[in-house]
Amino acid sequence: MGELVKDRRTGRLGTYMDMRGGEAYLRPPEGGTEWTTNPASIERYGDESRVVVNIIPDRRYPVPGAGSADAA
């Protein structure tokens, strides 16, 4: 689980999430809606040391230059 794979059927990259009912469940690396595919159509993708990171800003700290239009 969590491994980056390529769905050869669609050509899309996905994160392997689960196997249920004979189908592999994949999710886009950047997040989003899962899709299913035949397990035989997935293959490992690229360098095993690759890491996918989702950055979530911490709203408690202001970002320089990103002030609201009302601030002046």
PDB file of N, CA and C in Angstrom:
ATOM      1  N   MET A   1       0.839  -1.174   0.000  1.00  0.00           N
ATOM      2  CA  MET A   1       0.000   0.000   0.000  1.00  0.00           C
ATOM      3  C   MET A   1       0.893   1.249   0.000  1.00  0.00           C
ATOM      4  N   GLY A   2       0.481   2.257  -0.763  1.00  0.00           N
ATOM      5  CA  GLY A   2       1.245   3.490  -0.819  1.00  0.00           C
ATOM      6  C   GLY A   2       2.311   3.520  -1.889  1.00  0.00           C
ATOM      7  N   GLU A   3       2.435   2.453  -2.639  1.00  0.00           N
ATOM      8  CA  GLU A   3       3.469   2.362  -3.669  1.00  0.00           C
ATOM      9  C   GLU A   3       3.007   3.061  -4.951  1.00  0.00           C
ATOM     10  N   LEU A   4       3.905   3.792  -5.592  1.00  0.00           N
ATOM     11  CA  LEU A   4       3.601   4.467  -6.847  1.00  0.00           C
ATOM     12  C   LEU A   4       3.638   3.438  -7.974  1.00  0.00           C
ATOM     13  N   VAL A   5       2.533   3.365  -8.734  1.00  0.00           N
ATOM     14  CA  VAL A   5       2.414   2.391  -9.821  1.00  0.00           C
ATOM     15  C   VAL A   5       1.887   3.074 -11.071  1.00  0.00           C
ATOM     16  N   LYS A   6       2.010   2.377 -12.201  1.00  0.00           N
ATOM     17  CA  LYS A   6       1.452   2.859 -13.457  1.00  0.00           C
ATOM     18  C   LYS A   6       0.350   1.900 -13.877  1.00  0.00           C
ATOM     19  N   ASP A   7      -0.786   2.461 -14.214  1.00  0.00           N
ATOM     20  CA  ASP A   7      -1.897   1.682 -14.751  1.00  0.00           C
ATOM     21  C   ASP A   7      -1.689   1.627 -16.262  1.00  0.00           C
ATOM     22  N   ARG A   8      -1.248   0.482 -16.771  1.00  0.00           N
ATOM     23  CA  ARG A   8      -0.956   0.364 -18.203  1.00  0.00           C
ATOM     24  C   ARG A   8      -2.218   0.495 -19.054  1.00  0.00           C
ATOM     25  N   ARG A   9      -3.374   0.192 -18.485  1.00  0.00           N
ATOM     26  CA  ARG A   9      -4.634   0.290 -19.213  1.00  0.00           C
ATOM     27  C   ARG A   9      -4.964   1.740 -19.556  1.00  0.00           C
ATOM     28  N   THR A  10      -4.728   2.651 -18.592  1.00  0.00           N
ATOM     29  CA  THR A  10      -5.067   4.069 -18.809  1.00  0.00           C
ATOM     30  C   THR A  10      -3.848   4.947 -19.051  1.00  0.00           C
ATOM     31  N   GLY A  11      -2.661   4.452 -18.677  1.00  0.00           N
ATOM     32  CA  GLY A  11      -1.446   5.259 -18.781  1.00  0.00           C
ATOM     33  C   GLY A  11      -1.252   6.194 -17.600  1.00  0.00           C
ATOM     34  N   ARG A  12      -2.141   6.143 -16.620  1.00  0.00           N
ATOM     35  CA  ARG A  12      -2.076   7.050 -15.467  1.00  0.00           C
ATOM     36  C   ARG A  12      -1.159   6.493 -14.380  1.00  0.00           C
ATOM     37  N   LEU A  13      -0.554   7.425 -13.614  1.00  0.00           N
ATOM     38  CA  LEU A  13       0.194   7.056 -12.423  1.00  0.00           C
ATOM     39  C   LEU A  13      -0.761   7.103 -11.249  1.00  0.00           C
ATOM     40  N   GLY A  14      -0.557   6.194 -10.302  1.00  0.00           N
ATOM     41  CA  GLY A  14      -1.408   6.181  -9.123  1.00  0.00           C
ATOM     42  C   GLY A  14      -0.692   5.588  -7.933  1.00  0.00           C
ATOM     43  N   THR A  15      -1.226   5.873  -6.770  1.00  0.00           N
ATOM     44  CA  THR A  15      -0.748   5.283  -5.533  1.00  0.00           C
ATOM     45  C   THR A  15      -1.620   4.065  -5.265  1.00  0.00           C
ATOM     46  N   TYR A  16      -0.990   2.913  -5.091  1.00  0.00           N
ATOM     47  CA  TYR A  16      -1.726   1.676  -4.820  1.00  0.00           C
ATOM     48  C   TYR A  16      -2.352   1.778  -3.440  1.00  0.00           C
ATOM     49  N   MET A  17      -3.676   1.620  -3.366  1.00  0.00           N
ATOM     50  CA  MET A  17      -4.389   1.773  -2.107  1.00  0.00           C
ATOM     51  C   MET A  17      -4.849   0.441  -1.514  1.00  0.00           C
ATOM     52  N   ASP A  18      -5.411  -0.441  -2.346  1.00  0.00           N
ATOM     53  CA  ASP A  18      -6.007  -1.667  -1.812  1.00  0.00           C
ATOM     54  C   ASP A  18      -6.345  -2.612  -2.950  1.00  0.00           C
ATOM     55  N   MET A  19      -6.684  -3.849  -2.572  1.00  0.00           N
ATOM     56  CA  MET A  19      -7.163  -4.851  -3.512  1.00  0.00           C
ATOM     57  C   MET A  19      -8.465  -5.387  -2.926  1.00  0.00           C
ATOM     58  N   ARG A  20      -9.568  -5.217  -3.666  1.00  0.00           N
ATOM     59  CA  ARG A  20     -10.873  -5.705  -3.209  1.00  0.00           C
ATOM     60  C   ARG A  20     -11.654  -6.253  -4.390  1.00  0.00           C
ATOM     61  N   GLY A  21     -12.293  -7.386  -4.171  1.00  0.00           N
ATOM     62  CA  GLY A  21     -13.139  -7.963  -5.216  1.00  0.00           C
ATOM     63  C   GLY A  21     -12.412  -8.233  -6.513  1.00  0.00           C
ATOM     64  N   GLY A  22     -11.122  -8.520  -6.438  1.00  0.00           N
ATOM     65  CA  GLY A  22     -10.345  -8.805  -7.635  1.00  0.00           C
ATOM     66  C   GLY A  22      -9.911  -7.579  -8.414  1.00  0.00           C
ATOM     67  N   GLU A  23     -10.126  -6.383  -7.854  1.00  0.00           N
ATOM     68  CA  GLU A  23      -9.710  -5.145  -8.511  1.00  0.00           C
ATOM     69  C   GLU A  23      -8.702  -4.400  -7.650  1.00  0.00           C
ATOM     70  N   ALA A  24      -7.756  -3.742  -8.319  1.00  0.00           N
ATOM     71  CA  ALA A  24      -6.782  -2.902  -7.623  1.00  0.00           C
ATOM     72  C   ALA A  24      -7.350  -1.487  -7.557  1.00  0.00           C
ATOM     73  N   TYR A  25      -7.251  -0.877  -6.387  1.00  0.00           N
ATOM     74  CA  TYR A  25      -7.708   0.498  -6.187  1.00  0.00           C
ATOM     75  C   TYR A  25      -6.498   1.419  -6.174  1.00  0.00           C
ATOM     76  N   LEU A  26      -6.532   2.415  -7.066  1.00  0.00           N
ATOM     77  CA  LEU A  26      -5.445   3.381  -7.197  1.00  0.00           C
ATOM     78  C   LEU A  26      -5.996   4.777  -6.959  1.00  0.00           C
ATOM     79  N   ARG A  27      -5.119   5.668  -6.488  1.00  0.00           N
ATOM     80  CA  ARG A  27      -5.498   7.065  -6.267  1.00  0.00           C
ATOM     81  C   ARG A  27      -4.422   7.942  -6.902  1.00  0.00           C
ATOM     82  N   PRO A  28      -4.796   9.069  -7.513  1.00  0.00           N
ATOM     83  CA  PRO A  28      -3.780   9.963  -8.077  1.00  0.00           C
ATOM     84  C   PRO A  28      -2.755  10.348  -7.002  1.00  0.00           C
ATOM     85  N   PRO A  29      -1.468  10.446  -7.342  1.00  0.00           N
ATOM     86  CA  PRO A  29      -0.435  10.779  -6.351  1.00  0.00           C
ATOM     87  C   PRO A  29      -0.706  12.091  -5.619  1.00  0.00           C
ATOM     88  N   GLU A  30      -1.348  13.047  -6.288  1.00  0.00           N
ATOM     89  CA  GLU A  30      -1.624  14.335  -5.655  1.00  0.00           C
ATOM     90  C   GLU A  30      -2.921  14.307  -4.855  1.00  0.00           C
ATOM     91  N   GLY A  31      -3.551  13.153  -4.774  1.00  0.00           N
ATOM     92  CA  GLY A  31      -4.822  13.016  -4.066  1.00  0.00           C
ATOM     93  C   GLY A  31      -5.975  13.099  -5.041  1.00  0.00           C
ATOM     94  N   GLY A  32      -7.131  12.715  -4.586  1.00  0.00           N
ATOM     95  CA  GLY A  32      -8.297  12.754  -5.454  1.00  0.00           C
ATOM     96  C   GLY A  32      -9.059  11.447  -5.417  1.00  0.00           C
ATOM     97  N   THR A  33      -9.887  11.248  -6.406  1.00  0.00           N
ATOM     98  CA  THR A  33     -10.782  10.108  -6.460  1.00  0.00           C
ATOM     99  C   THR A  33     -10.067   8.845  -6.918  1.00  0.00           C
ATOM    100  N   GLU A  34     -10.284   7.767  -6.175  1.00  0.00           N
ATOM    101  CA  GLU A  34      -9.712   6.477  -6.554  1.00  0.00           C
ATOM    102  C   GLU A  34     -10.362   5.956  -7.828  1.00  0.00           C
ATOM    103  N   TRP A  35      -9.629   5.106  -8.519  1.00  0.00           N
ATOM    104  CA  TRP A  35     -10.201   4.367  -9.638  1.00  0.00           C
ATOM    105  C   TRP A  35      -9.766   2.919  -9.501  1.00  0.00           C
ATOM    106  N   THR A  36     -10.457   2.039 -10.196  1.00  0.00           N
ATOM    107  CA  THR A  36     -10.130   0.619 -10.133  1.00  0.00           C
ATOM    108  C   THR A  36      -9.555   0.170 -11.457  1.00  0.00           C
ATOM    109  N   THR A  37      -8.748  -0.869 -11.375  1.00  0.00           N
ATOM    110  CA  THR A  37      -8.167  -1.457 -12.575  1.00  0.00           C
ATOM    111  C   THR A  37      -7.865  -2.918 -12.308  1.00  0.00           C
ATOM    112  N   ASN A  38      -7.602  -3.637 -13.355  1.00  0.00           N
ATOM    113  CA  ASN A  38      -7.206  -5.035 -13.249  1.00  0.00           C
ATOM    114  C   ASN A  38      -5.799  -5.098 -12.663  1.00  0.00           C
ATOM    115  N   PRO A  39      -5.569  -5.900 -11.635  1.00  0.00           N
ATOM    116  CA  PRO A  39      -4.231  -5.982 -11.036  1.00  0.00           C
ATOM    117  C   PRO A  39      -3.132  -6.351 -12.035  1.00  0.00           C
ATOM    118  N   ALA A  40      -3.494  -7.084 -13.076  1.00  0.00           N
ATOM    119  CA  ALA A  40      -2.503  -7.477 -14.088  1.00  0.00           C
ATOM    120  C   ALA A  40      -2.031  -6.287 -14.909  1.00  0.00           C
ATOM    121  N   SER A  41      -2.762  -5.171 -14.870  1.00  0.00           N
ATOM    122  CA  SER A  41      -2.382  -4.017 -15.690  1.00  0.00           C
ATOM    123  C   SER A  41      -1.584  -2.973 -14.911  1.00  0.00           C
ATOM    124  N   ILE A  42      -1.194  -3.273 -13.658  1.00  0.00           N
ATOM    125  CA  ILE A  42      -0.377  -2.303 -12.928  1.00  0.00           C
ATOM    126  C   ILE A  42       1.064  -2.780 -12.842  1.00  0.00           C
ATOM    127  N   GLU A  43       1.965  -1.811 -12.838  1.00  0.00           N
ATOM    128  CA  GLU A  43       3.393  -2.110 -12.702  1.00  0.00           C
ATOM    129  C   GLU A  43       4.029  -1.045 -11.816  1.00  0.00           C
ATOM    130  N   ARG A  44       5.068  -1.440 -11.121  1.00  0.00           N
ATOM    131  CA  ARG A  44       5.809  -0.459 -10.308  1.00  0.00           C
ATOM    132  C   ARG A  44       6.312   0.638 -11.207  1.00  0.00           C
ATOM    133  N   TYR A  45       6.367   1.846 -10.647  1.00  0.00           N
ATOM    134  CA  TYR A  45       6.806   2.975 -11.446  1.00  0.00           C
ATOM    135  C   TYR A  45       8.038   3.620 -10.843  1.00  0.00           C
ATOM    136  N   GLY A  46       9.057   3.777 -11.665  1.00  0.00           N
ATOM    137  CA  GLY A  46      10.233   4.572 -11.329  1.00  0.00           C
ATOM    138  C   GLY A  46      11.038   4.100 -10.140  1.00  0.00           C
ATOM    139  N   ASP A  47      11.774   5.046  -9.621  1.00  0.00           N
ATOM    140  CA  ASP A  47      12.712   4.840  -8.523  1.00  0.00           C
ATOM    141  C   ASP A  47      11.950   4.568  -7.229  1.00  0.00           C
ATOM    142  N   GLU A  48      12.297   3.496  -6.547  1.00  0.00           N
ATOM    143  CA  GLU A  48      11.634   3.135  -5.297  1.00  0.00           C
ATOM    144  C   GLU A  48      11.844   4.176  -4.204  1.00  0.00           C
ATOM    145  N   SER A  49      12.849   5.036  -4.340  1.00  0.00           N
ATOM    146  CA  SER A  49      13.112   6.035  -3.306  1.00  0.00           C
ATOM    147  C   SER A  49      12.266   7.296  -3.498  1.00  0.00           C
ATOM    148  N   ARG A  50      11.427   7.319  -4.524  1.00  0.00           N
ATOM    149  CA  ARG A  50      10.582   8.487  -4.799  1.00  0.00           C
ATOM    150  C   ARG A  50       9.582   8.685  -3.662  1.00  0.00           C
ATOM    151  N   VAL A  51       9.383   9.920  -3.290  1.00  0.00           N
ATOM    152  CA  VAL A  51       8.439  10.253  -2.236  1.00  0.00           C
ATOM    153  C   VAL A  51       7.452  11.275  -2.779  1.00  0.00           C
ATOM    154  N   VAL A  52       6.170  11.053  -2.543  1.00  0.00           N
ATOM    155  CA  VAL A  52       5.138  12.009  -2.929  1.00  0.00           C
ATOM    156  C   VAL A  52       4.740  12.757  -1.668  1.00  0.00           C
ATOM    157  N   VAL A  53       4.829  14.086  -1.738  1.00  0.00           N
ATOM    158  CA  VAL A  53       4.550  14.915  -0.568  1.00  0.00           C
ATOM    159  C   VAL A  53       3.405  15.867  -0.886  1.00  0.00           C
ATOM    160  N   ASN A  54       2.432  15.905  -0.004  1.00  0.00           N
ATOM    161  CA  ASN A  54       1.365  16.900  -0.089  1.00  0.00           C
ATOM    162  C   ASN A  54       1.653  17.949   0.972  1.00  0.00           C
ATOM    163  N   ILE A  55       1.806  19.209   0.565  1.00  0.00           N
ATOM    164  CA  ILE A  55       2.107  20.285   1.505  1.00  0.00           C
ATOM    165  C   ILE A  55       0.812  21.003   1.852  1.00  0.00           C
ATOM    166  N   ILE A  56       0.524  21.057   3.131  1.00  0.00           N
ATOM    167  CA  ILE A  56      -0.662  21.733   3.625  1.00  0.00           C
ATOM    168  C   ILE A  56      -0.192  22.949   4.409  1.00  0.00           C
ATOM    169  N   PRO A  57      -0.548  24.156   3.952  1.00  0.00           N
ATOM    170  CA  PRO A  57      -0.065  25.351   4.655  1.00  0.00           C
ATOM    171  C   PRO A  57      -0.646  25.449   6.059  1.00  0.00           C
ATOM    172  N   ASP A  58       0.147  25.964   6.965  1.00  0.00           N
ATOM    173  CA  ASP A  58      -0.284  26.207   8.336  1.00  0.00           C
ATOM    174  C   ASP A  58      -0.846  27.613   8.376  1.00  0.00           C
ATOM    175  N   ARG A  59      -2.144  27.727   8.504  1.00  0.00           N
ATOM    176  CA  ARG A  59      -2.835  29.030   8.432  1.00  0.00           C
ATOM    177  C   ARG A  59      -2.535  29.924   9.630  1.00  0.00           C
ATOM    178  N   ARG A  60      -1.862  29.392  10.648  1.00  0.00           N
ATOM    179  CA  ARG A  60      -1.548  30.225  11.815  1.00  0.00           C
ATOM    180  C   ARG A  60      -0.426  31.201  11.536  1.00  0.00           C
ATOM    181  N   TYR A  61       0.358  30.950  10.488  1.00  0.00           N
ATOM    182  CA  TYR A  61       1.503  31.802  10.179  1.00  0.00           C
ATOM    183  C   TYR A  61       1.294  32.477   8.838  1.00  0.00           C
ATOM    184  N   PRO A  62       1.379  33.796   8.785  1.00  0.00           N
ATOM    185  CA  PRO A  62       1.154  34.494   7.511  1.00  0.00           C
ATOM    186  C   PRO A  62       2.273  34.207   6.511  1.00  0.00           C
ATOM    187  N   VAL A  63       1.895  34.199   5.264  1.00  0.00           N
ATOM    188  CA  VAL A  63       2.860  34.013   4.180  1.00  0.00           C
ATOM    189  C   VAL A  63       3.210  35.399   3.655  1.00  0.00           C
ATOM    190  N   PRO A  64       4.507  35.780   3.649  1.00  0.00           N
ATOM    191  CA  PRO A  64       4.878  37.117   3.165  1.00  0.00           C
ATOM    192  C   PRO A  64       4.365  37.353   1.747  1.00  0.00           C
ATOM    193  N   GLY A  65       3.745  38.504   1.538  1.00  0.00           N
ATOM    194  CA  GLY A  65       3.241  38.860   0.215  1.00  0.00           C
ATOM    195  C   GLY A  65       1.906  38.241  -0.128  1.00  0.00           C
ATOM    196  N   ALA A  66       1.318  37.500   0.813  1.00  0.00           N
ATOM    197  CA  ALA A  66       0.034  36.847   0.526  1.00  0.00           C
ATOM    198  C   ALA A  66      -1.078  37.442   1.369  1.00  0.00           C
ATOM    199  N   GLY A  67      -0.961  38.721   1.709  1.00  0.00           N
ATOM    200  CA  GLY A  67      -1.976  39.390   2.528  1.00  0.00           C
ATOM    201  C   GLY A  67      -3.290  39.525   1.779  1.00  0.00           C
ATOM    202  N   SER A  68      -4.341  39.752   2.520  1.00  0.00           N
ATOM    203  CA  SER A  68      -5.644  39.919   1.892  1.00  0.00           C
ATOM    204  C   SER A  68      -5.735  41.295   1.229  1.00  0.00           C
ATOM    205  N   ALA A  69      -6.669  41.433   0.312  1.00  0.00           N
ATOM    206  CA  ALA A  69      -6.859  42.703  -0.399  1.00  0.00           C
ATOM    207  C   ALA A  69      -7.364  43.770   0.539  1.00  0.00           C
ATOM    208  N   ASP A  70      -8.005  43.386   1.661  1.00  0.00           N
ATOM    209  CA  ASP A  70      -8.560  44.339   2.605  1.00  0.00           C
ATOM    210  C   ASP A  70      -7.482  44.928   3.530  1.00  0.00           C
ATOM    211  N   ALA A  71      -6.360  44.253   3.659  1.00  0.00           N
ATOM    212  CA  ALA A  71      -5.308  44.711   4.576  1.00  0.00           C
ATOM    213  C   ALA A  71      -4.556  45.876   3.949  1.00  0.00           C
ATOM    214  N   ALA A  72      -4.583  46.990   4.624  1.00  0.00           N
ATOM    215  CA  ALA A  72      -3.810  48.153   4.157  1.00  0.00           C
ATOM    216  C   ALA A  72      -3.820  49.218   5.212  1.00  0.00           C
TER     217      ALA A  72
END
